[in-house]
Amino acid sequence: MTGAFTPRPYQRDAITALRNGWSSGTNRLAIVLPTGAGKTVVFSTLVHQMLDSLDGQRALVIAHREELIQQAAAKLLAVDPLLRVGIVKAERDEHHDADVIVASVQTLAVPRRREAIRDIGLIIVDECHHAAARTYMEVLEHFGAWRGVPTAGFTATMTRTDGGLAEVWQDVVFNLDILDMITDGYLCDVRGKRVTVDTLDLDKVRTRNGDLVEGQLGQALEDSGALDAIAKAYGQHAPDRPGVVFTPTVATAQQAAEALNGSGISAAPIWGEMSRDDRRATLARYEAGDVQVLTNCMVLTEGFDAPHTSCIVIARPTKSPGLYVQMAGRGLRPAPGKQDALLLDVMGASSRHKLASMVDLTAREIGQAEEGKTLREVAEEVAAAEKRRILAARVEAEEINLFGQSRIRWLRTPAGTWFIRLTSAMFLFLVRDPGTRLYRMRRWTAHDGVHAPREDTARPLAEALAWLEQQAVHLAPRVFVARQARWRAERPSAKQLGLCRRLGIQVPKGSTAGDVADLIDMDRVGSVLGSLILPAA
């Protein structure tokens, strides 16, 4: 590598996945990398590696916003300073002698502009979740994406509310989860906090194309006083954090900035129609620390790189996990002194909308995030619970197998404690030590209650079972405790059935004497002993 960037291991893996996919004959392939994973480094390195094999053809990088175009051009030169990088956008037309052309999709949508560009042997689409739009489809078709030209799409979230992405991308060949990035130290952990605005009724906001209508949502935020609540919550939970507030409309972005400034937190709005110079000046003030918070109407979801950002306010409640990931991801880049990122989710009354939340940052099933805990902490708790569940299931299977093969008739309480009935006044129990896989014996008699043997040793299951069975045979005739004892197959006695009637025990039709004895013993253990067994361990 001639430039300043050495790809990370996962970035190299993503490139390998693309090239292997193309070699196998599939040419429109996508890579999904979380915000902050360095997708620009990946495709810049890919271009650097492949240009020599294109037989004089060139690479085309397609993006839809100025910030993305400038970032791509800068990163390509950082990876390989010898590249000739040209930009095609509006009045700029630098494609003639370029090795790599970075172009806006809006400019390429003009037939004469795209027809002037020739000899494209590699296509890169930045933020490729937009690629199902008609303009993208026309541009990709023109440059040969459907005629075998290797085409790679990069995004943080392969979702689009109006669908159609499967028509463009044949396969996602590499996908990295945010939790993996957090665990490996490439991204900051993230902590969630709800900002509940009781007067915000989201049920009155309609849905269009799978998400809440921006104009109605903005009006609901204004009418409910949510913007003042956001300013108050920011001062309470993130007074020293640089942050970004995402809002649904320009008006709400401007009013959110006013509310923050009014509460003593310096803030400035950014919106799409803002002049280029004003936007750059505002971003520079934020980068320098002269402005603590940027408020924006969905301008900073892509192409915004400010690692010191450590608070994200989702004042644009959304039903789209993809959009949520785009917003939240702006705060996850690591920076010196930055411990974690804080997500402030603006919540209102809603019973008919399922809104995206912090748990949607990962593809793993982690349920609901507990207030105040980080994403990694929640995931680790879920993983630990699953590990305990698997271990418990393994122990359960081992127990059932051993007890089921025994020659002695074992019964089990609803709480999972195994026991042998010696007489109506004496039972032996095998109980597991809390937190271990070792077992102890306990005996209950009508006279003395529960007590431990003299040799109260915790033993592995098979050893404990064998030892207790020896005690059972010693204390009661084998003919009574044996699983295959003849009496068990006989018809139940009148005495047994009478006792069941008095105790209110239902006897299934066709039950044997052994079945009825088990029903009586289970009832006696449950009602007389209950939870006395476990504390005695």
Protein backbone atom coordinates (compact mmCIF):
# COMPACT_ATOMS: atom_id res chain seq x y z
CA MET A 1 0.00 0.00 0.00
CA THR A 2 1.51 3.31 -1.05
CA GLY A 3 -0.80 5.52 1.00
CA ALA A 4 -1.42 6.17 4.67
CA PHE A 5 -4.06 3.49 5.29
CA THR A 6 -3.53 -0.15 6.18
CA PRO A 7 -6.85 -2.02 5.98
CA ARG A 8 -8.18 -3.61 9.15
CA PRO A 9 -8.68 -7.39 9.12
CA TYR A 10 -12.44 -7.16 8.52
CA GLN A 11 -11.87 -4.63 5.72
CA ARG A 12 -9.55 -7.09 3.98
CA ASP A 13 -12.17 -9.82 4.49
CA ALA A 14 -14.82 -7.64 2.85
CA ILE A 15 -12.62 -7.09 -0.20
CA THR A 16 -11.86 -10.80 -0.44
CA ALA A 17 -15.58 -11.60 -0.27
CA LEU A 18 -16.29 -9.23 -3.14
CA ARG A 19 -13.54 -10.54 -5.38
CA ASN A 20 -14.47 -14.17 -4.66
CA GLY A 21 -18.08 -13.37 -5.46
CA TRP A 22 -17.19 -11.78 -8.76
CA SER A 23 -14.94 -14.73 -9.62
CA SER A 24 -17.89 -17.06 -9.11
CA GLY A 25 -19.91 -15.20 -11.73
CA THR A 26 -22.15 -12.93 -9.64
CA ASN A 27 -21.39 -9.29 -10.37
CA ARG A 28 -23.80 -7.04 -8.39
CA LEU A 29 -22.69 -7.58 -4.80
CA ALA A 30 -23.19 -5.59 -1.61
CA ILE A 31 -21.23 -5.03 1.59
CA VAL A 32 -22.96 -3.97 4.82
CA LEU A 33 -20.65 -2.24 7.30
CA PRO A 34 -21.74 -0.21 10.35
CA THR A 35 -21.21 3.52 10.39
CA GLY A 36 -17.61 4.07 11.42
CA ALA A 37 -16.36 0.79 9.95
CA GLY A 38 -14.55 2.61 7.15
CA LYS A 39 -16.47 1.63 4.03
CA THR A 40 -14.69 4.42 2.11
CA VAL A 41 -11.35 2.85 3.04
CA VAL A 42 -12.64 -0.53 1.84
CA PHE A 43 -13.73 0.59 -1.60
CA SER A 44 -10.70 2.89 -2.02
CA THR A 45 -8.42 -0.07 -1.27
CA LEU A 46 -10.47 -2.23 -3.62
CA VAL A 47 -10.00 0.29 -6.44
CA HIS A 48 -6.28 0.51 -5.72
CA GLN A 49 -5.94 -3.28 -5.92
CA MET A 50 -8.03 -3.77 -9.07
CA LEU A 51 -7.04 -0.98 -11.43
CA ASP A 52 -4.05 -2.85 -12.87
CA SER A 53 -6.31 -5.79 -13.79
CA LEU A 54 -8.92 -3.68 -15.62
CA ASP A 55 -6.90 -3.55 -18.89
CA GLY A 56 -6.97 0.22 -19.11
CA GLN A 57 -10.55 0.59 -18.00
CA ARG A 58 -11.47 2.87 -15.13
CA ALA A 59 -13.38 2.78 -11.87
CA LEU A 60 -16.57 4.75 -11.24
CA VAL A 61 -17.70 5.70 -7.72
CA ILE A 62 -21.32 6.87 -7.52
CA ALA A 63 -22.66 8.91 -4.60
CA HIS A 64 -25.64 11.20 -4.07
CA ARG A 65 -24.34 13.95 -1.79
CA GLU A 66 -21.48 16.41 -1.99
CA GLU A 67 -20.01 15.33 1.35
CA LEU A 68 -19.86 11.71 0.20
CA ILE A 69 -18.23 12.70 -3.09
CA GLN A 70 -15.55 14.80 -1.39
CA GLN A 71 -14.88 12.08 1.21
CA ALA A 72 -14.52 9.41 -1.46
CA ALA A 73 -12.12 11.49 -3.57
CA ALA A 74 -10.00 12.35 -0.53
CA LYS A 75 -9.85 8.77 0.71
CA LEU A 76 -8.92 7.40 -2.72
CA LEU A 77 -5.94 9.77 -2.80
CA ALA A 78 -5.01 8.95 0.79
CA VAL A 79 -4.94 5.23 -0.05
CA ASP A 80 -3.05 5.77 -3.31
CA PRO A 81 -1.60 9.28 -3.86
CA LEU A 82 -0.61 8.35 -7.43
CA LEU A 83 -4.20 7.89 -8.55
CA ARG A 84 -5.71 10.40 -10.92
CA VAL A 85 -9.09 11.10 -9.33
CA GLY A 86 -11.67 13.18 -11.18
CA ILE A 87 -14.97 14.55 -9.91
CA VAL A 88 -18.09 14.77 -12.07
CA LYS A 89 -20.71 16.91 -10.41
CA ALA A 90 -22.73 19.86 -11.65
CA GLU A 91 -20.20 22.14 -13.42
CA ARG A 92 -17.20 19.89 -12.66
CA ASP A 93 -16.38 17.43 -15.44
CA GLU A 94 -12.99 15.89 -14.64
CA HIS A 95 -13.38 12.49 -16.24
CA HIS A 96 -11.12 12.67 -19.30
CA ASP A 97 -7.75 11.61 -17.84
CA ALA A 98 -8.95 10.12 -14.55
CA ASP A 99 -8.19 6.60 -13.29
CA VAL A 100 -11.14 6.87 -10.94
CA ILE A 101 -14.23 9.02 -11.46
CA VAL A 102 -16.26 10.06 -8.43
CA ALA A 103 -19.63 11.26 -9.67
CA SER A 104 -22.98 12.37 -8.31
CA VAL A 105 -25.91 10.23 -9.36
CA GLN A 106 -27.89 13.39 -10.11
CA THR A 107 -25.32 14.46 -12.72
CA LEU A 108 -25.08 10.97 -14.21
CA ALA A 109 -28.86 10.93 -14.52
CA VAL A 110 -28.45 13.48 -17.34
CA PRO A 111 -27.98 11.32 -20.48
CA ARG A 112 -25.36 13.51 -22.18
CA ARG A 113 -23.25 13.65 -19.01
CA ARG A 114 -23.13 9.89 -18.48
CA GLU A 115 -22.70 9.12 -22.18
CA ALA A 116 -19.52 11.18 -22.22
CA ILE A 117 -17.92 8.81 -19.70
CA ARG A 118 -16.48 5.67 -21.25
CA ASP A 119 -14.31 2.64 -20.42
CA ILE A 120 -15.77 1.80 -16.99
CA GLY A 121 -14.61 -1.61 -15.71
CA LEU A 122 -15.57 -1.33 -12.03
CA ILE A 123 -18.59 0.35 -10.39
CA ILE A 124 -18.81 1.37 -6.72
CA VAL A 125 -22.09 2.63 -5.24
CA ASP A 126 -21.81 4.50 -1.95
CA GLU A 127 -24.88 4.36 0.36
CA CYS A 128 -26.23 1.66 -1.92
CA HIS A 129 -29.55 1.35 -0.07
CA HIS A 130 -30.67 4.16 -2.40
CA ALA A 131 -29.90 2.11 -5.51
CA ALA A 132 -33.47 0.92 -6.17
CA ALA A 133 -34.44 4.47 -7.13
CA ARG A 134 -35.11 4.98 -10.84
CA THR A 135 -32.15 7.33 -11.38
CA TYR A 136 -29.70 4.82 -9.91
CA MET A 137 -31.18 1.98 -11.96
CA GLU A 138 -30.80 3.96 -15.20
CA VAL A 139 -27.20 4.92 -14.39
CA LEU A 140 -26.20 1.39 -13.37
CA GLU A 141 -27.84 -0.05 -16.46
CA HIS A 142 -25.95 2.39 -18.69
CA PHE A 143 -22.54 1.53 -17.23
CA GLY A 144 -23.04 -2.24 -17.51
CA ALA A 145 -24.07 -3.41 -14.06
CA TRP A 146 -26.51 -5.82 -15.76
CA ARG A 147 -23.95 -6.81 -18.41
CA GLY A 148 -21.28 -8.26 -16.15
CA VAL A 149 -19.29 -5.19 -15.04
CA PRO A 150 -18.17 -5.87 -11.41
CA THR A 151 -20.42 -3.72 -9.23
CA ALA A 152 -20.11 -3.25 -5.46
CA GLY A 153 -22.54 -1.49 -3.16
CA PHE A 154 -21.65 -0.21 0.32
CA THR A 155 -24.07 0.76 3.07
CA ALA A 156 -24.57 0.66 6.82
CA THR A 157 -28.09 -0.69 6.43
CA MET A 158 -29.53 -2.64 3.53
CA THR A 159 -33.09 -1.41 4.00
CA ARG A 160 -35.37 0.82 1.96
CA THR A 161 -38.92 1.62 3.02
CA ASP A 162 -40.33 1.23 -0.50
CA GLY A 163 -38.38 -1.97 -1.26
CA GLY A 164 -36.79 -2.94 -4.55
CA LEU A 165 -33.21 -3.55 -3.39
CA ALA A 166 -33.33 -7.23 -4.28
CA GLU A 167 -33.76 -6.20 -7.91
CA VAL A 168 -30.38 -4.44 -7.79
CA TRP A 169 -28.17 -6.46 -5.45
CA GLN A 170 -27.85 -10.17 -6.07
CA ASP A 171 -26.15 -10.96 -2.76
CA VAL A 172 -24.77 -9.41 0.42
CA VAL A 173 -21.36 -11.07 0.58
CA PHE A 174 -20.10 -9.46 3.79
CA ASN A 175 -22.00 -8.16 6.79
CA LEU A 176 -20.49 -6.90 10.03
CA ASP A 177 -22.61 -6.29 13.11
CA ILE A 178 -22.26 -3.17 15.26
CA LEU A 179 -21.86 -5.35 18.35
CA ASP A 180 -18.81 -7.02 16.78
CA MET A 181 -17.33 -3.58 16.11
CA ILE A 182 -18.01 -2.49 19.70
CA THR A 183 -16.53 -5.68 21.16
CA ASP A 184 -13.39 -5.33 19.05
CA GLY A 185 -12.95 -1.69 20.06
CA TYR A 186 -13.57 -0.18 16.62
CA LEU A 187 -16.76 1.58 17.77
CA CYS A 188 -17.88 3.05 21.08
CA ASP A 189 -20.47 1.31 23.18
CA VAL A 190 -23.83 3.04 23.27
CA ARG A 191 -26.19 3.74 26.16
CA GLY A 192 -29.88 4.48 25.71
CA LYS A 193 -32.17 6.85 27.58
CA ARG A 194 -35.84 7.54 26.84
CA VAL A 195 -37.13 11.11 26.76
CA THR A 196 -40.85 10.58 27.31
CA VAL A 197 -43.15 13.43 26.27
CA ASP A 198 -46.60 12.59 27.63
CA THR A 199 -48.33 15.18 25.45
CA LEU A 200 -46.83 13.79 22.21
CA ASP A 201 -49.53 11.63 20.61
CA LEU A 202 -47.86 9.69 17.82
CA ASP A 203 -51.02 7.74 17.05
CA LYS A 204 -52.32 10.85 15.28
CA VAL A 205 -49.36 10.74 12.87
CA ARG A 206 -50.06 8.79 9.69
CA THR A 207 -47.72 6.35 7.96
CA ARG A 208 -46.51 6.71 4.38
CA ASN A 209 -44.12 4.31 2.62
CA GLY A 210 -43.65 2.41 5.86
CA ASP A 211 -42.69 5.34 8.10
CA LEU A 212 -44.21 8.28 9.95
CA VAL A 213 -45.07 11.26 7.73
CA GLU A 214 -42.42 13.93 8.36
CA GLY A 215 -44.71 16.97 8.20
CA GLN A 216 -47.29 15.54 10.59
CA LEU A 217 -44.55 14.30 12.90
CA GLY A 218 -42.92 17.73 12.97
CA GLN A 219 -46.25 19.39 13.76
CA ALA A 220 -46.87 16.89 16.57
CA LEU A 221 -43.45 17.67 18.06
CA GLU A 222 -44.11 21.41 17.93
CA ASP A 223 -47.64 21.21 19.35
CA SER A 224 -46.68 18.88 22.21
CA GLY A 225 -43.82 21.00 23.56
CA ALA A 226 -41.41 18.17 22.79
CA LEU A 227 -38.65 20.53 21.66
CA ASP A 228 -38.49 22.20 25.07
CA ALA A 229 -38.51 18.73 26.66
CA ILE A 230 -35.55 17.75 24.45
CA ALA A 231 -33.58 20.82 25.55
CA LYS A 232 -34.31 20.04 29.19
CA ALA A 233 -33.33 16.38 28.78
CA TYR A 234 -30.10 17.35 27.02
CA GLY A 235 -29.12 19.63 29.89
CA GLN A 236 -29.97 16.87 32.38
CA HIS A 237 -28.34 13.87 30.72
CA ALA A 238 -25.69 15.27 28.36
CA PRO A 239 -24.66 18.74 29.58
CA ASP A 240 -21.02 18.29 28.54
CA ARG A 241 -21.48 16.08 25.47
CA PRO A 242 -21.17 17.32 21.88
CA GLY A 243 -24.22 16.04 20.06
CA VAL A 244 -26.48 15.88 17.06
CA VAL A 245 -30.28 16.18 17.10
CA PHE A 246 -32.24 14.56 14.24
CA THR A 247 -35.64 16.09 13.52
CA PRO A 248 -38.29 15.43 10.83
CA THR A 249 -38.56 18.95 9.35
CA VAL A 250 -36.47 22.08 8.84
CA ALA A 251 -38.80 24.00 11.15
CA THR A 252 -38.32 21.53 13.99
CA ALA A 253 -34.54 21.57 13.49
CA GLN A 254 -34.53 25.35 13.77
CA GLN A 255 -36.88 25.39 16.76
CA ALA A 256 -34.85 22.65 18.51
CA ALA A 257 -31.75 24.84 18.15
CA GLU A 258 -33.64 27.79 19.61
CA ALA A 259 -34.84 25.69 22.56
CA LEU A 260 -31.32 24.43 23.26
CA ASN A 261 -29.82 27.91 23.04
CA GLY A 262 -32.55 29.15 25.36
CA SER A 263 -31.59 26.54 27.94
CA GLY A 264 -27.91 27.55 27.85
CA ILE A 265 -26.62 24.92 25.39
CA SER A 266 -25.08 26.37 22.25
CA ALA A 267 -26.75 24.89 19.18
CA ALA A 268 -26.99 25.55 15.45
CA PRO A 269 -29.34 24.10 12.80
CA ILE A 270 -28.37 22.54 9.46
CA TRP A 271 -30.77 21.77 6.62
CA GLY A 272 -30.66 20.68 3.01
CA GLU A 273 -31.30 24.02 1.31
CA MET A 274 -28.72 25.82 3.42
CA SER A 275 -25.97 27.39 1.33
CA ARG A 276 -22.77 25.40 0.96
CA ASP A 277 -20.68 28.09 2.65
CA ASP A 278 -23.06 28.44 5.60
CA ARG A 279 -23.18 24.70 6.09
CA ARG A 280 -19.39 24.38 6.01
CA ALA A 281 -19.04 27.27 8.44
CA THR A 282 -21.54 25.72 10.87
CA LEU A 283 -19.83 22.32 10.70
CA ALA A 284 -16.46 24.00 11.29
CA ARG A 285 -17.82 25.74 14.40
CA TYR A 286 -19.10 22.38 15.69
CA GLU A 287 -15.76 20.71 14.97
CA ALA A 288 -13.93 23.51 16.82
CA GLY A 289 -16.24 23.23 19.83
CA ASP A 290 -17.79 26.67 19.41
CA VAL A 291 -21.17 24.96 18.93
CA GLN A 292 -22.05 22.06 21.24
CA VAL A 293 -25.06 20.67 19.37
CA LEU A 294 -26.07 20.46 15.73
CA THR A 295 -29.77 20.11 14.94
CA ASN A 296 -30.66 18.88 11.47
CA CYS A 297 -33.48 17.71 9.25
CA MET A 298 -32.01 14.37 8.15
CA VAL A 299 -28.97 16.01 6.53
CA LEU A 300 -26.35 14.34 8.71
CA THR A 301 -27.50 10.72 8.36
CA GLU A 302 -24.82 10.12 5.69
CA GLY A 303 -21.37 11.51 5.00
CA PHE A 304 -21.03 13.22 8.38
CA ASP A 305 -17.81 12.37 10.19
CA ALA A 306 -17.29 13.98 13.61
CA PRO A 307 -15.88 11.34 15.99
CA HIS A 308 -16.10 13.60 19.04
CA THR A 309 -19.92 13.44 18.81
CA SER A 310 -21.05 11.53 21.90
CA CYS A 311 -24.79 12.22 22.10
CA ILE A 312 -27.45 11.54 19.48
CA VAL A 313 -31.01 12.74 20.00
CA ILE A 314 -33.58 10.83 17.96
CA ALA A 315 -36.21 13.56 17.77
CA ARG A 316 -37.42 11.93 14.60
CA PRO A 317 -39.20 8.79 15.91
CA THR A 318 -39.14 6.22 13.13
CA LYS A 319 -40.54 2.81 12.27
CA SER A 320 -37.51 2.13 10.06
CA PRO A 321 -34.64 0.25 11.74
CA GLY A 322 -32.43 1.27 8.83
CA LEU A 323 -33.03 4.96 9.34
CA TYR A 324 -32.54 4.56 13.08
CA VAL A 325 -29.16 2.91 12.47
CA GLN A 326 -28.16 5.76 10.12
CA MET A 327 -28.98 8.35 12.79
CA ALA A 328 -27.56 6.57 15.83
CA GLY A 329 -24.40 5.54 14.00
CA ARG A 330 -23.25 9.16 13.79
CA GLY A 331 -22.24 9.00 17.46
CA LEU A 332 -20.42 5.67 17.59
CA ARG A 333 -16.99 6.57 16.22
CA PRO A 334 -14.29 6.40 18.91
CA ALA A 335 -12.34 9.50 19.88
CA PRO A 336 -9.76 10.38 22.58
CA GLY A 337 -11.45 10.64 25.97
CA LYS A 338 -14.77 9.36 24.67
CA GLN A 339 -16.11 6.55 26.86
CA ASP A 340 -19.42 5.83 25.17
CA ALA A 341 -22.24 7.35 23.15
CA LEU A 342 -25.58 8.38 24.63
CA LEU A 343 -28.81 7.90 22.67
CA LEU A 344 -31.73 10.06 23.75
CA ASP A 345 -34.88 8.55 22.23
CA VAL A 346 -37.84 10.92 22.13
CA MET A 347 -40.90 8.85 22.96
CA GLY A 348 -44.60 9.72 22.90
CA ALA A 349 -47.89 7.98 23.44
CA SER A 350 -48.27 5.32 20.76
CA SER A 351 -50.16 2.07 20.58
CA ARG A 352 -50.28 1.50 16.83
CA HIS A 353 -46.71 2.30 15.78
CA LYS A 354 -43.79 -0.03 16.49
CA LEU A 355 -40.86 2.37 16.68
CA ALA A 356 -37.22 1.47 16.16
CA SER A 357 -34.97 1.66 19.20
CA MET A 358 -31.43 0.94 20.37
CA VAL A 359 -31.84 -2.82 20.04
CA ASP A 360 -32.26 -2.35 16.28
CA LEU A 361 -28.60 -1.36 16.02
CA THR A 362 -27.74 -5.07 16.06
CA ALA A 363 -29.10 -8.01 14.11
CA ARG A 364 -28.88 -10.18 17.22
CA GLU A 365 -32.02 -10.95 19.20
CA ILE A 366 -31.53 -9.12 22.49
CA GLY A 367 -35.11 -8.22 23.40
CA GLN A 368 -35.73 -4.86 25.03
CA ALA A 369 -32.82 -2.70 26.19
CA GLU A 370 -32.95 -1.96 29.89
CA GLU A 371 -32.84 1.75 30.67
CA GLY A 372 -29.32 3.01 31.37
CA LYS A 373 -27.50 -0.08 30.14
CA THR A 374 -25.23 -0.11 27.12
CA LEU A 375 -25.89 -2.18 24.04
CA ARG A 376 -22.94 -4.41 24.85
CA GLU A 377 -24.10 -4.93 28.44
CA VAL A 378 -27.58 -5.92 27.27
CA ALA A 379 -26.14 -8.29 24.66
CA GLU A 380 -23.76 -9.86 27.19
CA GLU A 381 -26.63 -10.43 29.64
CA VAL A 382 -28.69 -12.07 26.90
CA ALA A 383 -25.72 -14.23 25.88
CA ALA A 384 -25.12 -15.23 29.51
CA ALA A 385 -28.79 -16.11 29.97
CA GLU A 386 -28.72 -18.21 26.81
CA LYS A 387 -25.58 -19.96 28.05
CA ARG A 388 -27.32 -20.74 31.35
CA ARG A 389 -30.36 -22.00 29.46
CA ILE A 390 -28.24 -24.31 27.33
CA LEU A 391 -26.39 -25.59 30.39
CA ALA A 392 -29.67 -26.16 32.25
CA ALA A 393 -31.06 -28.04 29.24
CA ARG A 394 -27.92 -30.18 29.12
CA VAL A 395 -28.19 -30.94 32.85
CA GLU A 396 -31.89 -31.67 32.41
CA ALA A 397 -31.21 -34.12 29.59
CA GLU A 398 -28.45 -35.79 31.60
CA GLU A 399 -30.72 -36.15 34.63
CA ILE A 400 -33.66 -37.54 32.66
CA ASN A 401 -31.38 -40.04 30.93
CA LEU A 402 -29.80 -41.31 34.16
CA PHE A 403 -32.98 -41.43 36.23
CA GLY A 404 -34.92 -42.95 33.34
CA GLN A 405 -32.46 -45.86 33.05
CA SER A 406 -32.39 -46.59 36.79
CA ARG A 407 -33.86 -49.81 38.18
CA ILE A 408 -35.30 -47.78 41.06
CA ARG A 409 -38.57 -45.87 40.67
CA TRP A 410 -37.71 -42.15 40.86
CA LEU A 411 -40.25 -39.33 40.96
CA ARG A 412 -39.73 -35.62 40.50
CA THR A 413 -41.32 -32.59 42.14
CA PRO A 414 -42.65 -29.72 39.97
CA ALA A 415 -39.60 -27.73 41.14
CA GLY A 416 -37.32 -30.39 39.61
CA THR A 417 -36.16 -32.26 42.75
CA TRP A 418 -35.85 -36.04 42.34
CA PHE A 419 -36.99 -38.36 45.14
CA ILE A 420 -37.69 -41.98 46.09
CA ARG A 421 -40.66 -42.96 48.22
CA LEU A 422 -39.63 -45.54 50.78
CA THR A 423 -42.79 -45.55 52.90
CA SER A 424 -45.64 -43.12 53.38
CA ALA A 425 -43.60 -41.64 56.23
CA MET A 426 -40.12 -41.65 54.64
CA PHE A 427 -38.70 -40.16 51.43
CA LEU A 428 -35.18 -39.75 50.08
CA PHE A 429 -34.32 -36.68 47.99
CA LEU A 430 -31.45 -35.79 45.69
CA VAL A 431 -30.95 -32.02 45.53
CA ARG A 432 -28.51 -29.99 43.45
CA ASP A 433 -26.13 -27.55 45.10
CA PRO A 434 -26.96 -24.00 43.93
CA GLY A 435 -24.50 -22.83 41.29
CA THR A 436 -22.83 -26.22 40.78
CA ARG A 437 -23.51 -29.52 39.07
CA LEU A 438 -23.05 -31.47 42.33
CA TYR A 439 -25.78 -33.20 44.32
CA ARG A 440 -26.53 -34.02 47.96
CA MET A 441 -28.90 -36.47 49.67
CA ARG A 442 -31.69 -35.41 52.04
CA ARG A 443 -34.10 -37.63 53.97
CA TRP A 444 -37.56 -36.72 55.19
CA THR A 445 -39.52 -38.62 57.80
CA ALA A 446 -42.85 -37.77 59.31
CA HIS A 447 -41.21 -37.74 62.76
CA ASP A 448 -37.99 -35.78 62.15
CA GLY A 449 -38.70 -33.73 59.02
CA VAL A 450 -35.78 -32.95 56.66
CA HIS A 451 -32.23 -33.79 57.67
CA ALA A 452 -28.86 -34.51 56.09
CA PRO A 453 -26.85 -37.74 56.40
CA ARG A 454 -23.69 -37.89 58.51
CA GLU A 455 -21.57 -37.96 55.39
CA ASP A 456 -22.98 -34.83 53.73
CA THR A 457 -20.78 -34.76 50.63
CA ALA A 458 -21.67 -33.06 47.35
CA ARG A 459 -21.14 -35.55 44.52
CA PRO A 460 -21.44 -35.67 40.72
CA LEU A 461 -24.86 -36.79 39.55
CA ALA A 462 -24.10 -40.39 38.61
CA GLU A 463 -22.14 -41.00 41.83
CA ALA A 464 -24.80 -39.32 44.01
CA LEU A 465 -27.58 -41.29 42.33
CA ALA A 466 -25.84 -44.64 42.88
CA TRP A 467 -25.08 -43.80 46.51
CA LEU A 468 -28.64 -42.75 47.28
CA GLU A 469 -30.06 -45.87 45.61
CA GLN A 470 -27.86 -48.02 47.89
CA GLN A 471 -29.41 -46.20 50.88
CA ALA A 472 -32.91 -46.74 49.47
CA VAL A 473 -32.41 -50.51 49.07
CA HIS A 474 -30.96 -50.68 52.57
CA LEU A 475 -33.91 -48.82 54.13
CA ALA A 476 -36.76 -50.39 52.12
CA PRO A 477 -37.39 -53.73 50.42
CA ARG A 478 -36.16 -53.74 46.81
CA VAL A 479 -39.49 -55.22 45.77
CA PHE A 480 -41.19 -51.95 46.78
CA VAL A 481 -38.80 -49.35 45.29
CA ALA A 482 -37.94 -51.21 42.07
CA ARG A 483 -39.22 -49.65 38.83
CA GLN A 484 -40.33 -53.07 37.52
CA ALA A 485 -41.91 -54.34 40.80
CA ARG A 486 -44.87 -56.60 40.02
CA TRP A 487 -47.30 -54.77 42.25
CA ARG A 488 -46.93 -51.64 40.11
CA ALA A 489 -48.65 -53.33 37.16
CA GLU A 490 -51.65 -54.49 39.21
CA ARG A 491 -55.03 -52.78 39.43
CA PRO A 492 -55.20 -49.98 42.03
CA SER A 493 -56.60 -51.04 45.37
CA ALA A 494 -59.81 -49.71 46.88
CA LYS A 495 -57.72 -48.10 49.61
CA GLN A 496 -55.62 -46.24 47.06
CA LEU A 497 -58.66 -45.00 45.16
CA GLY A 498 -60.42 -43.95 48.36
CA LEU A 499 -57.39 -41.93 49.45
CA CYS A 500 -57.29 -40.23 46.05
CA ARG A 501 -60.95 -39.22 46.39
CA ARG A 502 -60.32 -37.73 49.85
CA LEU A 503 -57.27 -35.82 48.60
CA GLY A 504 -59.01 -34.61 45.46
CA ILE A 505 -56.56 -36.39 43.14
CA GLN A 506 -57.88 -37.15 39.67
CA VAL A 507 -57.01 -40.72 38.62
CA PRO A 508 -56.77 -41.14 34.82
CA LYS A 509 -58.66 -44.05 33.33
CA GLY A 510 -56.54 -47.19 33.02
CA SER A 511 -54.05 -46.20 35.78
CA THR A 512 -52.17 -49.05 37.47
CA ALA A 513 -51.45 -49.44 41.17
CA GLY A 514 -47.98 -48.00 40.52
CA ASP A 515 -49.42 -44.98 38.68
CA VAL A 516 -51.82 -44.23 41.53
CA ALA A 517 -49.05 -44.65 44.12
CA ASP A 518 -46.97 -42.10 42.19
CA LEU A 519 -49.88 -39.64 42.15
CA ILE A 520 -50.32 -39.97 45.91
CA ASP A 521 -46.58 -39.59 46.57
CA MET A 522 -46.32 -36.50 44.35
CA ASP A 523 -49.24 -34.93 46.18
CA ARG A 524 -47.74 -35.73 49.57
CA VAL A 525 -44.31 -34.33 48.67
CA GLY A 526 -45.84 -31.18 47.19
CA SER A 527 -48.17 -30.41 50.07
CA VAL A 528 -46.08 -31.55 53.05
CA LEU A 529 -42.54 -30.63 52.01
CA GLY A 530 -42.91 -27.92 49.40
CA SER A 531 -39.84 -25.72 49.33
CA LEU A 532 -38.35 -27.22 52.53
CA ILE A 533 -36.08 -29.40 50.43
CA LEU A 534 -33.96 -26.73 48.75
CA PRO A 535 -32.96 -24.63 51.80
CA ALA A 536 -31.81 -27.83 53.52
CA ALA A 537 -29.09 -28.16 50.87
